[in-house]
Amino acid sequence: MINVEMCAQISLVGDMLAPFFLQDPRTGTAQASFDALAALDVQAAASEWPFVEQSLAQTDLANMQACLVPHDDTAGVSAAVISDDMMWEYRRLFVGPGKKPAPPWGSVYTDHECVVFGETTLALRAWMRSHGIERISDERSPEDHIGLMLALLSTLATQRPDLVESYLQDHLLTWSSHFLEELEQAAEYPFYISLAHLTRATLEGMQAELGIDVVYPKYYR
């Protein structure tokens, strides 16, 4: 059963992790998230990070933070500098134009044709419509992008906590660990290796704490 404290923890996780999957670190709209990570007191944040051991959270957060070089802008505000290596790694993993080693959409792994907008995407879309949940993105973006799904998880935890468990059980946890393991292996830059590891451990810890039984599909990739 999800209580108020757990809803706040789930919302925190979704809010913090989603932008790093969703946004190009150089040209996207997540600069505030990167700035916050660069300025983070890692030890304090790890002690409060839910669903995983403090040592695991501290290691992954520290590795992610180490990839960001903070500097003070002309207004004296601390900001994170994104390296070219980090920018190109994001694009290699998630954007292309070459073959993406870790496509961030669930249906790529669960649909027998390994396509976006596959059956699991349509199932998630139908579930959202049946519960009156509005899309976070435009119509051209598949709803089962890992970043969008983490953002939606946060929204549900704050606005529709009664739906969190079914969402996790039927739509997110069915493929998230498989994808995040693939991402961790495919990534060559420490930020994304640690992001994949921390996200997977957190979602699996959430699953264990909530006692959610998941029927895992066959993976085609």
Foldseek 3Di string as FASTA:
>chain_A
DDDLVNLVLLLVVLVLQLCVLVAQCPPGDCFVSLQCLLPDPLQVVLVVRPLDHSVLSSVLSVLLNVQWDWDQPPVRRITTDHDPVSNVLSCQQDNDPPDHQQHQFQCLWFPLVSDAPDPLLVVVVVVCVVVVHDQPDDPVDRCRRVSNLSNVLSVCSVPPVVCNQVCCQRRPVLCLLVRLVSQLVPGDRSNRVSSSVVSNSRSVSVCVVVVHDHDHHHTND
